Amino acid sequence: MFRITDFPEFSWSYSRHKMITQCKRKYAYHYYVSHNGWLDGASERSQRAYRLKKVSTLSMYAGQAVRQVITEAISDYTSTHLVPDERDLVEKVQQLLNNALRDSSDYGELWYHKPAQYKMLLEFYENGYISKKDLKDMQKRVQICVHHFLQSKSFCDMLSSPFLEVESQQSFRSINVYDHKVYAPFHSLFKHPTTGEFTIVDWKTSKQTKDDLFQLAIYALYVLAEYNISVDRIKVRNEHLLSSSSRTYQLTLHEIEAILRQIDTSIDYMKTFLEQSEVNQPLPLEHFPQADKPASCHGCAFKELCQTG
């Protein structure tokens, strides 16, 4: 049952870990200052932080739209065994983008008062428009990603093994690690009916990073806990849709133990920014320094709060 609390529940995720390493001030705005910002009686700063938390760049939103359409296409295929049409998938992604553009341009006032119900793209929020070139470039990226999805190893495996079981995407998958909720929002989970082997797939619309395997290993923790299986029955895979490349890893128990230690260390570090750990009360905002590299502020909606306080 939902309860209004003075402070948010503490949890851990890869995105939270990544944010605190990039910019402590952004972390504070996103996870603490914005808390209760949806309430009419919240402070102006909390309402602003909550509103800005809901802003997304065109690139980020397009990536979300592509992954949403992909996971829906996989779910449809498992039900119908009909291979999705590439043009139809591109049109579905484009429709989601058009809806976001419409919200940003036509319903800005509604978004201002109900930011959870309407979309706002950062480029439009800051400039009042999105250039035709940026829109054209994004449309091309979408077409490339959808085309490569239909050619990807993971989707081709589905076509060659019609009895493959699929766990559909859930935004709030979590497990308990060291008495803390740890989120594992991966995109697709396949189980081979003959071997019983699980494959976790993350559909990437961005470039490869050094943390890709770390992120996948977190998802493996969820499958280990949820299905009570050994690590040798799990494979983790990134499908990089822009480059049409696929990387599959077989984790070891030693690597899983190392990931658990990394999570524990990250949790301990996050707690150094708390005044009262028991209720997840943060230290005052001045204890969360701003990023020291101006380039880190690019694409961050919270920078207006850093400038105006």
C-alpha atoms as a PDB file:
ATOM      1  CA  MET A   1       0.000   0.000   0.000  1.00  0.00           C
ATOM      2  CA  PHE A   2       1.399   3.397  -0.988  1.00  0.00           C
ATOM      3  CA  ARG A   3       2.372   5.670   1.884  1.00  0.00           C
ATOM      4  CA  ILE A   4       3.673   9.220   1.858  1.00  0.00           C
ATOM      5  CA  THR A   5       6.988   9.297   3.690  1.00  0.00           C
ATOM      6  CA  ASP A   6       9.426  12.080   4.498  1.00  0.00           C
ATOM      7  CA  PHE A   7      12.227  10.253   2.704  1.00  0.00           C
ATOM      8  CA  PRO A   8      12.293   7.706  -0.132  1.00  0.00           C
ATOM      9  CA  GLU A   9      13.014   4.034   0.377  1.00  0.00           C
ATOM     10  CA  PHE A  10      16.689   3.192  -0.090  1.00  0.00           C
ATOM     11  CA  SER A  11      17.411   0.824  -2.959  1.00  0.00           C
ATOM     12  CA  TRP A  12      20.325   0.071  -5.250  1.00  0.00           C
ATOM     13  CA  SER A  13      20.526  -0.191  -9.027  1.00  0.00           C
ATOM     14  CA  TYR A  14      23.169   0.108 -11.695  1.00  0.00           C
ATOM     15  CA  SER A  15      21.700   3.434 -12.872  1.00  0.00           C
ATOM     16  CA  ARG A  16      21.814   4.793  -9.318  1.00  0.00           C
ATOM     17  CA  HIS A  17      25.420   3.624  -8.925  1.00  0.00           C
ATOM     18  CA  LYS A  18      26.353   5.213 -12.240  1.00  0.00           C
ATOM     19  CA  MET A  19      24.706   8.526 -11.351  1.00  0.00           C
ATOM     20  CA  ILE A  20      26.453   8.972  -8.010  1.00  0.00           C
ATOM     21  CA  THR A  21      29.830   8.329  -9.632  1.00  0.00           C
ATOM     22  CA  GLN A  22      29.130  10.885 -12.360  1.00  0.00           C
ATOM     23  CA  CYS A  23      27.596  13.731 -10.342  1.00  0.00           C
ATOM     24  CA  LYS A  24      26.649  13.764  -6.651  1.00  0.00           C
ATOM     25  CA  ARG A  25      24.442  16.843  -7.062  1.00  0.00           C
ATOM     26  CA  LYS A  26      22.411  15.218  -9.840  1.00  0.00           C
ATOM     27  CA  TYR A  27      22.108  12.132  -7.628  1.00  0.00           C
ATOM     28  CA  ALA A  28      20.715  14.269  -4.797  1.00  0.00           C
ATOM     29  CA  TYR A  29      18.190  16.009  -7.036  1.00  0.00           C
ATOM     30  CA  HIS A  30      17.059  12.772  -8.673  1.00  0.00           C
ATOM     31  CA  TYR A  31      16.726  10.529  -5.622  1.00  0.00           C
ATOM     32  CA  TYR A  32      16.114  12.905  -2.714  1.00  0.00           C
ATOM     33  CA  VAL A  33      15.135  16.486  -3.548  1.00  0.00           C
ATOM     34  CA  SER A  34      12.491  15.285  -6.017  1.00  0.00           C
ATOM     35  CA  HIS A  35      10.868  13.058  -3.387  1.00  0.00           C
ATOM     36  CA  ASN A  36       7.227  14.041  -2.790  1.00  0.00           C
ATOM     37  CA  GLY A  37       7.594  16.656  -5.549  1.00  0.00           C
ATOM     38  CA  TRP A  38       4.339  15.403  -7.045  1.00  0.00           C
ATOM     39  CA  LEU A  39       2.413  16.654  -3.994  1.00  0.00           C
ATOM     40  CA  ASP A  40       0.678  20.029  -4.139  1.00  0.00           C
ATOM     41  CA  GLY A  41       2.082  20.913  -0.745  1.00  0.00           C
ATOM     42  CA  ALA A  42       5.689  20.085  -1.617  1.00  0.00           C
ATOM     43  CA  SER A  43       8.326  22.813  -1.656  1.00  0.00           C
ATOM     44  CA  GLU A  44       8.947  24.648  -4.910  1.00  0.00           C
ATOM     45  CA  ARG A  45      12.418  23.105  -5.177  1.00  0.00           C
ATOM     46  CA  SER A  46      11.032  19.580  -4.738  1.00  0.00           C
ATOM     47  CA  GLN A  47       8.374  20.207  -7.359  1.00  0.00           C
ATOM     48  CA  ARG A  48      10.960  21.556  -9.791  1.00  0.00           C
ATOM     49  CA  ALA A  49      13.296  18.627  -9.173  1.00  0.00           C
ATOM     50  CA  TYR A  50      10.476  16.118  -9.670  1.00  0.00           C
ATOM     51  CA  ARG A  51       9.405  17.860 -12.876  1.00  0.00           C
ATOM     52  CA  LEU A  52      12.964  17.904 -14.244  1.00  0.00           C
ATOM     53  CA  LYS A  53      13.444  14.254 -13.246  1.00  0.00           C
ATOM     54  CA  LYS A  54      10.766  13.430 -15.817  1.00  0.00           C
ATOM     55  CA  VAL A  55      12.541  15.244 -18.666  1.00  0.00           C
ATOM     56  CA  SER A  56      14.337  13.051 -21.208  1.00  0.00           C
ATOM     57  CA  THR A  57      16.653  13.776 -24.121  1.00  0.00           C
ATOM     58  CA  LEU A  58      15.497  12.795 -27.590  1.00  0.00           C
ATOM     59  CA  SER A  59      18.202  10.115 -27.757  1.00  0.00           C
ATOM     60  CA  MET A  60      17.265   8.600 -24.408  1.00  0.00           C
ATOM     61  CA  TYR A  61      13.579   8.553 -25.189  1.00  0.00           C
ATOM     62  CA  ALA A  62      14.145   7.058 -28.645  1.00  0.00           C
ATOM     63  CA  GLY A  63      16.175   4.273 -27.023  1.00  0.00           C
ATOM     64  CA  GLN A  64      13.349   3.588 -24.580  1.00  0.00           C
ATOM     65  CA  ALA A  65      10.835   3.560 -27.431  1.00  0.00           C
ATOM     66  CA  VAL A  66      12.913   1.089 -29.462  1.00  0.00           C
ATOM     67  CA  ARG A  67      13.273  -1.263 -26.483  1.00  0.00           C
ATOM     68  CA  GLN A  68       9.558  -1.018 -25.699  1.00  0.00           C
ATOM     69  CA  VAL A  69       8.602  -1.959 -29.249  1.00  0.00           C
ATOM     70  CA  ILE A  70      11.182  -4.773 -29.310  1.00  0.00           C
ATOM     71  CA  THR A  71       9.936  -6.372 -26.090  1.00  0.00           C
ATOM     72  CA  GLU A  72       6.341  -6.086 -27.318  1.00  0.00           C
ATOM     73  CA  ALA A  73       7.355  -7.684 -30.636  1.00  0.00           C
ATOM     74  CA  ILE A  74       9.001 -10.595 -28.797  1.00  0.00           C
ATOM     75  CA  SER A  75       5.915 -11.090 -26.668  1.00  0.00           C
ATOM     76  CA  ASP A  76       3.678 -11.015 -29.746  1.00  0.00           C
ATOM     77  CA  TYR A  77       5.891 -13.521 -31.542  1.00  0.00           C
ATOM     78  CA  THR A  78       5.774 -16.016 -28.670  1.00  0.00           C
ATOM     79  CA  SER A  79       1.965 -15.845 -28.825  1.00  0.00           C
ATOM     80  CA  THR A  80       1.434 -15.866 -32.587  1.00  0.00           C
ATOM     81  CA  HIS A  81       4.709 -17.213 -34.083  1.00  0.00           C
ATOM     82  CA  LEU A  82       4.314 -14.547 -36.736  1.00  0.00           C
ATOM     83  CA  VAL A  83       7.537 -12.731 -37.590  1.00  0.00           C
ATOM     84  CA  PRO A  84       7.004  -8.986 -37.104  1.00  0.00           C
ATOM     85  CA  ASP A  85       7.180  -6.701 -40.096  1.00  0.00           C
ATOM     86  CA  GLU A  86      10.131  -4.306 -39.991  1.00  0.00           C
ATOM     87  CA  ARG A  87       8.137  -1.382 -41.322  1.00  0.00           C
ATOM     88  CA  ASP A  88       5.416  -1.906 -38.724  1.00  0.00           C
ATOM     89  CA  LEU A  89       7.971  -1.885 -35.911  1.00  0.00           C
ATOM     90  CA  VAL A  90       9.594   1.310 -37.198  1.00  0.00           C
ATOM     91  CA  GLU A  91       6.171   2.959 -37.414  1.00  0.00           C
ATOM     92  CA  LYS A  92       5.359   1.962 -33.824  1.00  0.00           C
ATOM     93  CA  VAL A  93       8.595   3.532 -32.577  1.00  0.00           C
ATOM     94  CA  GLN A  94       7.945   6.631 -34.656  1.00  0.00           C
ATOM     95  CA  GLN A  95       4.456   6.924 -33.205  1.00  0.00           C
ATOM     96  CA  LEU A  96       5.878   6.912 -29.685  1.00  0.00           C
ATOM     97  CA  LEU A  97       8.344   9.617 -30.715  1.00  0.00           C
ATOM     98  CA  ASN A  98       5.570  11.641 -32.341  1.00  0.00           C
ATOM     99  CA  ASN A  99       3.539  11.414 -29.141  1.00  0.00           C
ATOM    100  CA  ALA A 100       6.493  12.707 -27.120  1.00  0.00           C
ATOM    101  CA  LEU A 101       7.040  15.539 -29.586  1.00  0.00           C
ATOM    102  CA  ARG A 102       3.352  16.449 -29.440  1.00  0.00           C
ATOM    103  CA  ASP A 103       3.364  16.461 -25.639  1.00  0.00           C
ATOM    104  CA  SER A 104       6.493  18.620 -25.579  1.00  0.00           C
ATOM    105  CA  SER A 105       5.267  21.154 -28.130  1.00  0.00           C
ATOM    106  CA  ASP A 106       1.519  21.275 -27.511  1.00  0.00           C
ATOM    107  CA  TYR A 107       0.976  20.195 -23.928  1.00  0.00           C
ATOM    108  CA  GLY A 108       3.799  21.882 -22.071  1.00  0.00           C
ATOM    109  CA  GLU A 109       1.431  23.471 -19.603  1.00  0.00           C
ATOM    110  CA  LEU A 110      -0.189  20.133 -18.812  1.00  0.00           C
ATOM    111  CA  TRP A 111       3.241  18.517 -18.407  1.00  0.00           C
ATOM    112  CA  TYR A 112       4.239  21.316 -16.020  1.00  0.00           C
ATOM    113  CA  HIS A 113       1.397  20.410 -13.674  1.00  0.00           C
ATOM    114  CA  LYS A 114       1.345  16.642 -14.342  1.00  0.00           C
ATOM    115  CA  PRO A 115       4.874  15.653 -15.421  1.00  0.00           C
ATOM    116  CA  ALA A 116       4.239  11.940 -14.874  1.00  0.00           C
ATOM    117  CA  GLN A 117       1.395  11.916 -17.393  1.00  0.00           C
ATOM    118  CA  TYR A 118       3.000  13.825 -20.270  1.00  0.00           C
ATOM    119  CA  LYS A 119       6.381  13.659 -21.987  1.00  0.00           C
ATOM    120  CA  MET A 120       8.894  16.481 -22.186  1.00  0.00           C
ATOM    121  CA  LEU A 121      12.031  16.273 -24.305  1.00  0.00           C
ATOM    122  CA  LEU A 122      15.015  18.201 -23.000  1.00  0.00           C
ATOM    123  CA  GLU A 123      15.882  19.778 -26.341  1.00  0.00           C
ATOM    124  CA  PHE A 124      12.390  21.209 -26.636  1.00  0.00           C
ATOM    125  CA  TYR A 125      12.345  22.262 -22.986  1.00  0.00           C
ATOM    126  CA  GLU A 126      15.591  24.212 -23.351  1.00  0.00           C
ATOM    127  CA  ASN A 127      15.281  25.569 -26.886  1.00  0.00           C
ATOM    128  CA  GLY A 128      11.591  25.476 -27.749  1.00  0.00           C
ATOM    129  CA  TYR A 129      12.219  23.239 -30.764  1.00  0.00           C
ATOM    130  CA  ILE A 130      14.125  20.225 -32.064  1.00  0.00           C
ATOM    131  CA  SER A 131      16.008  20.710 -35.318  1.00  0.00           C
ATOM    132  CA  LYS A 132      14.910  18.870 -38.440  1.00  0.00           C
ATOM    133  CA  LYS A 133      18.410  17.427 -38.738  1.00  0.00           C
ATOM    134  CA  ASP A 134      18.264  15.924 -35.237  1.00  0.00           C
ATOM    135  CA  LEU A 135      14.851  14.429 -35.973  1.00  0.00           C
ATOM    136  CA  LYS A 136      16.036  13.000 -39.294  1.00  0.00           C
ATOM    137  CA  ASP A 137      19.169  11.553 -37.702  1.00  0.00           C
ATOM    138  CA  MET A 138      17.082   9.948 -34.952  1.00  0.00           C
ATOM    139  CA  GLN A 139      14.681   8.440 -37.468  1.00  0.00           C
ATOM    140  CA  LYS A 140      17.650   6.876 -39.246  1.00  0.00           C
ATOM    141  CA  ARG A 141      18.989   5.469 -35.953  1.00  0.00           C
ATOM    142  CA  VAL A 142      15.586   3.967 -35.197  1.00  0.00           C
ATOM    143  CA  GLN A 143      15.441   2.280 -38.600  1.00  0.00           C
ATOM    144  CA  ILE A 144      18.943   0.859 -38.140  1.00  0.00           C
ATOM    145  CA  CYS A 145      18.157  -0.462 -34.650  1.00  0.00           C
ATOM    146  CA  VAL A 146      14.912  -2.143 -35.730  1.00  0.00           C
ATOM    147  CA  HIS A 147      16.568  -3.682 -38.795  1.00  0.00           C
ATOM    148  CA  HIS A 148      19.412  -5.079 -36.703  1.00  0.00           C
ATOM    149  CA  PHE A 149      16.987  -6.400 -34.069  1.00  0.00           C
ATOM    150  CA  LEU A 150      15.356  -8.633 -36.670  1.00  0.00           C
ATOM    151  CA  GLN A 151      18.819  -9.883 -37.683  1.00  0.00           C
ATOM    152  CA  SER A 152      20.142 -10.237 -34.125  1.00  0.00           C
ATOM    153  CA  LYS A 153      21.386 -13.499 -32.681  1.00  0.00           C
ATOM    154  CA  SER A 154      18.788 -13.467 -29.938  1.00  0.00           C
ATOM    155  CA  PHE A 155      15.840 -13.008 -32.266  1.00  0.00           C
ATOM    156  CA  CYS A 156      17.199 -15.540 -34.767  1.00  0.00           C
ATOM    157  CA  ASP A 157      17.565 -18.019 -31.889  1.00  0.00           C
ATOM    158  CA  MET A 158      13.871 -17.501 -31.158  1.00  0.00           C
ATOM    159  CA  LEU A 159      12.977 -18.261 -34.767  1.00  0.00           C
ATOM    160  CA  SER A 160      15.009 -21.477 -34.791  1.00  0.00           C
ATOM    161  CA  SER A 161      13.675 -22.689 -31.423  1.00  0.00           C
ATOM    162  CA  PRO A 162       9.906 -22.166 -31.339  1.00  0.00           C
ATOM    163  CA  PHE A 163       9.544 -23.669 -27.883  1.00  0.00           C
ATOM    164  CA  LEU A 164      11.804 -21.082 -26.280  1.00  0.00           C
ATOM    165  CA  GLU A 165      10.212 -19.681 -23.142  1.00  0.00           C
ATOM    166  CA  VAL A 166      10.271 -15.942 -22.561  1.00  0.00           C
ATOM    167  CA  GLU A 167       9.858 -13.842 -19.439  1.00  0.00           C
ATOM    168  CA  SER A 168       8.485 -10.509 -20.541  1.00  0.00           C
ATOM    169  CA  GLN A 169      10.025  -7.210 -19.482  1.00  0.00           C
ATOM    170  CA  GLN A 170       9.304  -5.943 -16.005  1.00  0.00           C
ATOM    171  CA  SER A 171      10.423  -2.478 -14.940  1.00  0.00           C
ATOM    172  CA  PHE A 172      10.633  -3.277 -11.257  1.00  0.00           C
ATOM    173  CA  ARG A 173      12.361  -6.640 -10.970  1.00  0.00           C
ATOM    174  CA  SER A 174      14.306  -6.719  -7.734  1.00  0.00           C
ATOM    175  CA  ILE A 175      16.085  -9.041  -5.330  1.00  0.00           C
ATOM    176  CA  ASN A 176      17.347  -8.681  -1.789  1.00  0.00           C
ATOM    177  CA  VAL A 177      21.106  -8.241  -1.469  1.00  0.00           C
ATOM    178  CA  TYR A 178      22.654  -7.544   1.939  1.00  0.00           C
ATOM    179  CA  ASP A 179      19.172  -6.643   3.232  1.00  0.00           C
ATOM    180  CA  HIS A 180      18.721  -4.016   0.516  1.00  0.00           C
ATOM    181  CA  LYS A 181      16.457  -3.973  -2.512  1.00  0.00           C
ATOM    182  CA  VAL A 182      18.514  -4.273  -5.695  1.00  0.00           C
ATOM    183  CA  TYR A 183      16.768  -3.589  -9.007  1.00  0.00           C
ATOM    184  CA  ALA A 184      17.508  -5.652 -12.112  1.00  0.00           C
ATOM    185  CA  PRO A 185      15.448  -4.172 -14.993  1.00  0.00           C
ATOM    186  CA  PHE A 186      16.795  -6.255 -17.876  1.00  0.00           C
ATOM    187  CA  HIS A 187      14.823  -6.467 -21.107  1.00  0.00           C
ATOM    188  CA  SER A 188      14.485 -10.129 -22.112  1.00  0.00           C
ATOM    189  CA  LEU A 189      14.968 -13.542 -20.539  1.00  0.00           C
ATOM    190  CA  PHE A 190      14.987 -16.704 -22.609  1.00  0.00           C
ATOM    191  CA  LYS A 191      14.964 -20.311 -21.416  1.00  0.00           C
ATOM    192  CA  HIS A 192      15.862 -23.111 -23.764  1.00  0.00           C
ATOM    193  CA  PRO A 193      13.335 -25.978 -23.364  1.00  0.00           C
ATOM    194  CA  THR A 194      15.871 -28.747 -23.983  1.00  0.00           C
ATOM    195  CA  THR A 195      18.997 -27.600 -22.179  1.00  0.00           C
ATOM    196  CA  GLY A 196      17.234 -25.538 -19.515  1.00  0.00           C
ATOM    197  CA  GLU A 197      19.818 -22.824 -20.097  1.00  0.00           C
ATOM    198  CA  PHE A 198      18.835 -19.207 -19.418  1.00  0.00           C
ATOM    199  CA  THR A 199      19.985 -16.284 -21.562  1.00  0.00           C
ATOM    200  CA  ILE A 200      19.583 -12.720 -20.330  1.00  0.00           C
ATOM    201  CA  VAL A 201      19.483 -10.147 -23.118  1.00  0.00           C
ATOM    202  CA  ASP A 202      19.907  -6.390 -22.911  1.00  0.00           C
ATOM    203  CA  TRP A 203      18.977  -4.521 -26.084  1.00  0.00           C
ATOM    204  CA  LYS A 204      21.400  -1.622 -26.454  1.00  0.00           C
ATOM    205  CA  THR A 205      20.797   1.403 -28.667  1.00  0.00           C
ATOM    206  CA  SER A 206      23.968   3.159 -27.487  1.00  0.00           C
ATOM    207  CA  LYS A 207      27.669   2.409 -27.797  1.00  0.00           C
ATOM    208  CA  GLN A 208      29.488  -0.253 -25.797  1.00  0.00           C
ATOM    209  CA  THR A 209      30.887   0.815 -22.423  1.00  0.00           C
ATOM    210  CA  LYS A 210      33.332  -0.668 -19.958  1.00  0.00           C
ATOM    211  CA  ASP A 211      30.474  -1.306 -17.505  1.00  0.00           C
ATOM    212  CA  ASP A 212      28.375  -3.464 -19.837  1.00  0.00           C
ATOM    213  CA  LEU A 213      29.434  -6.737 -18.197  1.00  0.00           C
ATOM    214  CA  PHE A 214      28.931  -5.302 -14.696  1.00  0.00           C
ATOM    215  CA  GLN A 215      25.367  -4.394 -15.614  1.00  0.00           C
ATOM    216  CA  LEU A 216      24.671  -7.831 -17.099  1.00  0.00           C
ATOM    217  CA  ALA A 217      26.110  -9.575 -14.036  1.00  0.00           C
ATOM    218  CA  ILE A 218      23.612  -7.717 -11.831  1.00  0.00           C
ATOM    219  CA  TYR A 219      20.836  -9.186 -13.944  1.00  0.00           C
ATOM    220  CA  ALA A 220      22.374 -12.633 -13.517  1.00  0.00           C
ATOM    221  CA  LEU A 221      22.051 -12.211  -9.750  1.00  0.00           C
ATOM    222  CA  TYR A 222      18.297 -11.872 -10.210  1.00  0.00           C
ATOM    223  CA  VAL A 223      18.029 -15.053 -12.288  1.00  0.00           C
ATOM    224  CA  LEU A 224      20.191 -16.971  -9.810  1.00  0.00           C
ATOM    225  CA  ALA A 225      17.934 -15.928  -6.941  1.00  0.00           C
ATOM    226  CA  GLU A 226      14.594 -16.153  -8.752  1.00  0.00           C
ATOM    227  CA  TYR A 227      15.115 -19.542 -10.420  1.00  0.00           C
ATOM    228  CA  ASN A 228      17.505 -21.132  -7.898  1.00  0.00           C
ATOM    229  CA  ILE A 229      19.901 -22.426 -10.536  1.00  0.00           C
ATOM    230  CA  SER A 230      23.676 -22.652 -10.857  1.00  0.00           C
ATOM    231  CA  VAL A 231      25.646 -19.912 -12.576  1.00  0.00           C
ATOM    232  CA  ASP A 232      26.870 -22.263 -15.309  1.00  0.00           C
ATOM    233  CA  ARG A 233      23.279 -22.432 -16.648  1.00  0.00           C
ATOM    234  CA  ILE A 234      23.155 -18.688 -17.258  1.00  0.00           C
ATOM    235  CA  LYS A 235      24.471 -16.704 -20.181  1.00  0.00           C
ATOM    236  CA  VAL A 236      24.332 -12.917 -20.404  1.00  0.00           C
ATOM    237  CA  ARG A 237      24.271 -11.027 -23.677  1.00  0.00           C
ATOM    238  CA  ASN A 238      24.327  -7.498 -25.027  1.00  0.00           C
ATOM    239  CA  GLU A 239      22.747  -6.919 -28.412  1.00  0.00           C
ATOM    240  CA  HIS A 240      24.220  -3.666 -29.723  1.00  0.00           C
ATOM    241  CA  LEU A 241      21.661  -2.647 -32.306  1.00  0.00           C
ATOM    242  CA  LEU A 242      23.474   0.300 -33.878  1.00  0.00           C
ATOM    243  CA  SER A 243      26.560  -1.727 -34.736  1.00  0.00           C
ATOM    244  CA  SER A 244      24.711  -5.031 -35.213  1.00  0.00           C
ATOM    245  CA  SER A 245      27.098  -6.756 -32.816  1.00  0.00           C
ATOM    246  CA  SER A 246      26.339  -9.302 -30.142  1.00  0.00           C
ATOM    247  CA  ARG A 247      28.473 -10.213 -27.113  1.00  0.00           C
ATOM    248  CA  THR A 248      27.646 -13.224 -24.976  1.00  0.00           C
ATOM    249  CA  TYR A 249      29.353 -14.002 -21.667  1.00  0.00           C
ATOM    250  CA  GLN A 250      29.438 -17.026 -19.404  1.00  0.00           C
ATOM    251  CA  LEU A 251      29.952 -15.815 -15.853  1.00  0.00           C
ATOM    252  CA  THR A 252      31.770 -17.747 -13.152  1.00  0.00           C
ATOM    253  CA  LEU A 253      30.960 -18.044  -9.468  1.00  0.00           C
ATOM    254  CA  HIS A 254      34.087 -16.010  -8.744  1.00  0.00           C
ATOM    255  CA  GLU A 255      32.794 -13.170 -10.936  1.00  0.00           C
ATOM    256  CA  ILE A 256      29.394 -13.276  -9.237  1.00  0.00           C
ATOM    257  CA  GLU A 257      31.059 -12.985  -5.836  1.00  0.00           C
ATOM    258  CA  ALA A 258      33.086 -10.031  -7.121  1.00  0.00           C
ATOM    259  CA  ILE A 259      29.898  -8.310  -8.314  1.00  0.00           C
ATOM    260  CA  LEU A 260      28.326  -8.789  -4.892  1.00  0.00           C
ATOM    261  CA  ARG A 261      31.360  -7.132  -3.299  1.00  0.00           C
ATOM    262  CA  GLN A 262      31.095  -4.221  -5.750  1.00  0.00           C
ATOM    263  CA  ILE A 263      27.440  -3.733  -4.886  1.00  0.00           C
ATOM    264  CA  ASP A 264      28.230  -3.853  -1.168  1.00  0.00           C
ATOM    265  CA  THR A 265      30.975  -1.247  -1.612  1.00  0.00           C
ATOM    266  CA  SER A 266      28.656   0.961  -3.675  1.00  0.00           C
ATOM    267  CA  ILE A 267      25.902   0.763  -1.047  1.00  0.00           C
ATOM    268  CA  ASP A 268      28.366   1.698   1.681  1.00  0.00           C
ATOM    269  CA  TYR A 269      29.487   4.688  -0.380  1.00  0.00           C
ATOM    270  CA  MET A 270      25.916   5.869  -0.972  1.00  0.00           C
ATOM    271  CA  LYS A 271      25.290   5.708   2.754  1.00  0.00           C
ATOM    272  CA  THR A 272      28.123   8.155   3.440  1.00  0.00           C
ATOM    273  CA  PHE A 273      25.739  10.784   2.034  1.00  0.00           C
ATOM    274  CA  LEU A 274      23.052   9.983   4.602  1.00  0.00           C
ATOM    275  CA  GLU A 275      22.405  11.802   7.850  1.00  0.00           C
ATOM    276  CA  GLN A 276      20.194   9.029   9.196  1.00  0.00           C
ATOM    277  CA  SER A 277      20.666   5.702   7.462  1.00  0.00           C
ATOM    278  CA  GLU A 278      17.672   4.103   9.194  1.00  0.00           C
ATOM    279  CA  VAL A 279      15.185   6.359   7.381  1.00  0.00           C
ATOM    280  CA  ASN A 280      17.334   7.174   4.332  1.00  0.00           C
ATOM    281  CA  GLN A 281      17.568  10.860   5.281  1.00  0.00           C
ATOM    282  CA  PRO A 282      20.194  12.586   3.127  1.00  0.00           C
ATOM    283  CA  LEU A 283      22.766  15.096   4.262  1.00  0.00           C
ATOM    284  CA  PRO A 284      22.086  18.749   3.321  1.00  0.00           C
ATOM    285  CA  LEU A 285      22.409  19.505  -0.390  1.00  0.00           C
ATOM    286  CA  GLU A 286      25.781  21.228  -0.002  1.00  0.00           C
ATOM    287  CA  HIS A 287      27.294  17.832   0.860  1.00  0.00           C
ATOM    288  CA  PHE A 288      26.551  16.674  -2.699  1.00  0.00           C
ATOM    289  CA  PRO A 289      29.161  18.437  -4.882  1.00  0.00           C
ATOM    290  CA  GLN A 290      28.498  19.346  -8.484  1.00  0.00           C
ATOM    291  CA  ALA A 291      30.431  17.608 -11.249  1.00  0.00           C
ATOM    292  CA  ASP A 292      33.786  19.284 -11.813  1.00  0.00           C
ATOM    293  CA  LYS A 293      33.676  18.705 -15.580  1.00  0.00           C
ATOM    294  CA  PRO A 294      31.264  20.997 -17.499  1.00  0.00           C
ATOM    295  CA  ALA A 295      30.861  18.276 -20.160  1.00  0.00           C
ATOM    296  CA  SER A 296      29.081  16.165 -17.539  1.00  0.00           C
ATOM    297  CA  CYS A 297      26.265  18.730 -17.479  1.00  0.00           C
ATOM    298  CA  HIS A 298      25.411  18.225 -21.147  1.00  0.00           C
ATOM    299  CA  GLY A 299      22.030  16.547 -21.399  1.00  0.00           C
ATOM    300  CA  CYS A 300      21.256  17.035 -17.694  1.00  0.00           C
ATOM    301  CA  ALA A 301      17.942  18.769 -16.999  1.00  0.00           C
ATOM    302  CA  PHE A 302      18.971  19.498 -13.413  1.00  0.00           C
ATOM    303  CA  LYS A 303      21.594  22.012 -14.467  1.00  0.00           C
ATOM    304  CA  GLU A 304      19.036  24.795 -14.197  1.00  0.00           C
ATOM    305  CA  LEU A 305      18.687  23.965 -10.500  1.00  0.00           C
ATOM    306  CA  CYS A 306      22.467  24.075 -10.113  1.00  0.00           C
ATOM    307  CA  GLN A 307      22.420  27.543 -11.674  1.00  0.00           C
ATOM    308  CA  THR A 308      19.463  28.979  -9.790  1.00  0.00           C
ATOM    309  CA  GLY A 309      19.516  26.939  -6.544  1.00  0.00           C
END
